[in-house]
Amino acid sequence: MEPDFLHIVVSKKDILSGSTQSTIDVLKSLTRSPEVALKWRERVEISFDGYNDSQWELFEIPEVRHFVFQLDEAFPYWLFFLSKARFGLKCIMLCFLPPFLKPESKAEIFPDRIRKLFEDRWGPAMNYVCVFVGMTEREIGQMTDRAIEYIRAE
């Protein structure tokens, strides 16, 4: 039986050494054909192992943030592939936002930064894969709505 969900676990060792290639290889394999991309649409989770005892949140840790930036350079297709029912996408997104802010500052800064990330990078990347797999405009709209709903829940 073939799995219907992919959980990518990034080790602390890879993060500390900056070894992104194996994770990038797995992520890029998701786009090797329209059929493969469709199979994994919103069925991927990513997590970062080895930080359970940290006093900081994952997205506050400089090495994790840097690792995520490197992944995003090679693979900006998070909105298409990552599950909207788990934490991985939120963690990736939070890495692109300023850490250690008070709630008032978050409320002021985060919406604009998230909108920019969505409009300038992740939205176009998601649309690219949607076209690649042959989704209809309606399906793309529904996927966009799910992504916006997930992001707004932050």
Protein backbone atom coordinates (compact mmCIF):
# COMPACT_ATOMS: atom_id res chain seq x y z
CA MET A 1 0.00 0.00 0.00
CA GLU A 2 1.35 3.39 -1.00
CA PRO A 3 1.38 6.17 1.62
CA ASP A 4 -1.05 9.06 1.20
CA PHE A 5 0.77 11.49 3.49
CA LEU A 6 4.41 12.56 3.57
CA HIS A 7 6.01 13.81 6.77
CA ILE A 8 9.45 15.36 6.23
CA VAL A 9 11.45 15.48 9.45
CA VAL A 10 14.49 17.73 9.40
CA SER A 11 17.13 16.84 11.97
CA LYS A 12 18.86 19.32 14.24
CA LYS A 13 22.15 18.00 12.85
CA ASP A 14 21.13 19.06 9.31
CA ILE A 15 19.95 22.43 10.56
CA LEU A 16 23.14 23.17 12.49
CA SER A 17 25.35 22.06 9.60
CA GLY A 18 23.21 23.89 7.03
CA SER A 19 22.76 20.64 5.08
CA THR A 20 19.64 21.46 3.09
CA GLN A 21 20.25 19.29 0.05
CA SER A 22 18.55 16.08 1.20
CA THR A 23 15.44 18.02 2.26
CA ILE A 24 15.46 20.01 -0.98
CA ASP A 25 15.80 16.77 -2.97
CA VAL A 26 12.69 15.33 -1.27
CA LEU A 27 10.74 18.55 -1.79
CA LYS A 28 11.75 18.89 -5.44
CA SER A 29 10.75 15.27 -6.10
CA LEU A 30 7.17 16.39 -5.44
CA THR A 31 7.23 18.40 -8.68
CA ARG A 32 8.79 15.80 -10.99
CA SER A 33 5.48 15.31 -12.82
CA PRO A 34 1.93 16.67 -12.71
CA GLU A 35 0.69 13.30 -11.42
CA VAL A 36 3.17 13.27 -8.54
CA ALA A 37 2.43 16.90 -7.66
CA LEU A 38 -1.33 16.23 -7.62
CA LYS A 39 -0.87 13.16 -5.43
CA TRP A 40 0.93 15.21 -2.76
CA ARG A 41 -1.24 18.35 -2.94
CA GLU A 42 -1.81 19.47 0.68
CA ARG A 43 -0.56 16.08 1.92
CA VAL A 44 2.91 17.02 3.14
CA GLU A 45 4.05 18.05 6.60
CA ILE A 46 7.46 19.34 7.61
CA SER A 47 8.86 19.40 11.11
CA PHE A 48 12.17 20.19 12.75
CA ASP A 49 13.45 17.63 15.24
CA GLY A 50 15.76 18.13 18.18
CA TYR A 51 14.43 21.38 19.59
CA ASN A 52 11.89 20.06 22.11
CA ASP A 53 13.94 21.37 25.05
CA SER A 54 14.54 24.83 23.58
CA GLN A 55 13.24 27.82 25.49
CA TRP A 56 12.49 29.49 22.17
CA GLU A 57 9.86 28.71 19.58
CA LEU A 58 11.24 27.05 16.44
CA PHE A 59 10.74 30.18 14.33
CA GLU A 60 12.75 32.21 16.84
CA ILE A 61 15.87 30.06 16.50
CA PRO A 62 18.31 31.70 14.06
CA GLU A 63 19.60 28.39 12.63
CA VAL A 64 16.07 27.15 11.93
CA ARG A 65 15.16 30.46 10.29
CA HIS A 66 18.26 30.37 8.10
CA PHE A 67 17.56 26.75 7.12
CA VAL A 68 13.98 27.65 6.15
CA PHE A 69 15.19 30.63 4.10
CA GLN A 70 17.49 28.28 2.18
CA LEU A 71 14.67 25.78 1.60
CA ASP A 72 12.39 28.55 0.38
CA GLU A 73 14.99 29.74 -2.13
CA ALA A 74 14.88 26.30 -3.77
CA PHE A 75 11.24 25.42 -3.09
CA PRO A 76 8.63 28.18 -2.60
CA TYR A 77 5.66 25.84 -3.23
CA TRP A 78 4.59 25.51 0.43
CA LEU A 79 0.98 26.59 -0.14
CA PHE A 80 0.42 23.86 -2.71
CA PHE A 81 2.00 20.95 -0.89
CA LEU A 82 1.88 21.55 2.85
CA SER A 83 -1.13 20.47 4.86
CA LYS A 84 -3.49 23.18 6.05
CA ALA A 85 -4.38 21.03 9.08
CA ARG A 86 -0.94 20.88 10.70
CA PHE A 87 1.73 23.22 12.08
CA GLY A 88 4.51 22.91 9.47
CA LEU A 89 3.22 25.63 7.15
CA LYS A 90 2.73 28.01 10.08
CA CYS A 91 6.27 27.34 11.28
CA ILE A 92 7.67 28.05 7.81
CA MET A 93 5.62 31.24 7.57
CA LEU A 94 6.62 32.45 11.04
CA CYS A 95 10.28 32.10 10.08
CA PHE A 96 9.69 34.95 7.62
CA LEU A 97 8.29 37.23 10.30
CA PRO A 98 10.22 39.17 12.94
CA PRO A 99 10.72 37.11 16.12
CA PHE A 100 10.29 38.21 19.73
CA LEU A 101 7.54 40.77 19.16
CA LYS A 102 4.89 41.75 21.67
CA PRO A 103 1.29 40.99 20.64
CA GLU A 104 0.62 44.65 19.75
CA SER A 105 3.63 44.73 17.42
CA LYS A 106 2.65 41.42 15.85
CA ALA A 107 -0.84 42.77 15.16
CA GLU A 108 0.69 45.81 13.49
CA ILE A 109 3.52 44.17 11.50
CA PHE A 110 2.46 40.60 10.67
CA PRO A 111 -0.56 41.22 8.39
CA ASP A 112 1.39 43.35 5.90
CA ARG A 113 4.41 41.03 5.91
CA ILE A 114 2.22 37.94 5.42
CA ARG A 115 0.25 39.62 2.63
CA LYS A 116 3.50 40.53 0.87
CA LEU A 117 4.88 37.00 1.24
CA PHE A 118 1.63 35.58 -0.12
CA GLU A 119 1.29 38.02 -3.01
CA ASP A 120 4.93 38.26 -4.06
CA ARG A 121 6.25 34.74 -3.55
CA TRP A 122 4.08 31.94 -2.25
CA GLY A 123 0.86 32.75 -4.11
CA PRO A 124 2.54 32.90 -7.53
CA ALA A 125 4.49 29.71 -6.70
CA MET A 126 1.27 27.93 -5.72
CA ASN A 127 -0.44 29.14 -8.91
CA TYR A 128 2.50 27.90 -10.98
CA VAL A 129 2.07 24.37 -9.63
CA CYS A 130 -1.72 24.59 -9.98
CA VAL A 131 -1.31 25.35 -13.69
CA PHE A 132 1.41 22.67 -13.99
CA VAL A 133 -1.04 20.00 -12.74
CA GLY A 134 -3.97 21.31 -14.80
CA MET A 135 -6.25 22.59 -12.06
CA THR A 136 -9.27 24.66 -13.06
CA GLU A 137 -9.68 28.31 -12.07
CA ARG A 138 -12.34 27.21 -9.58
CA GLU A 139 -10.01 24.65 -8.00
CA ILE A 140 -7.22 27.23 -7.81
CA GLY A 141 -9.62 29.66 -6.14
CA GLN A 142 -10.64 27.05 -3.60
CA MET A 143 -7.03 26.24 -2.83
CA THR A 144 -6.24 29.95 -2.46
CA ASP A 145 -9.18 30.32 -0.08
CA ARG A 146 -7.92 27.41 2.06
CA ALA A 147 -4.47 28.96 2.21
CA ILE A 148 -5.87 32.37 3.22
CA GLU A 149 -8.11 30.78 5.86
CA TYR A 150 -5.14 28.85 7.27
CA ILE A 151 -2.96 31.97 7.37
CA ARG A 152 -5.68 34.09 8.97
CA ALA A 153 -6.07 31.52 11.74
CA GLU A 154 -2.60 32.64 12.88
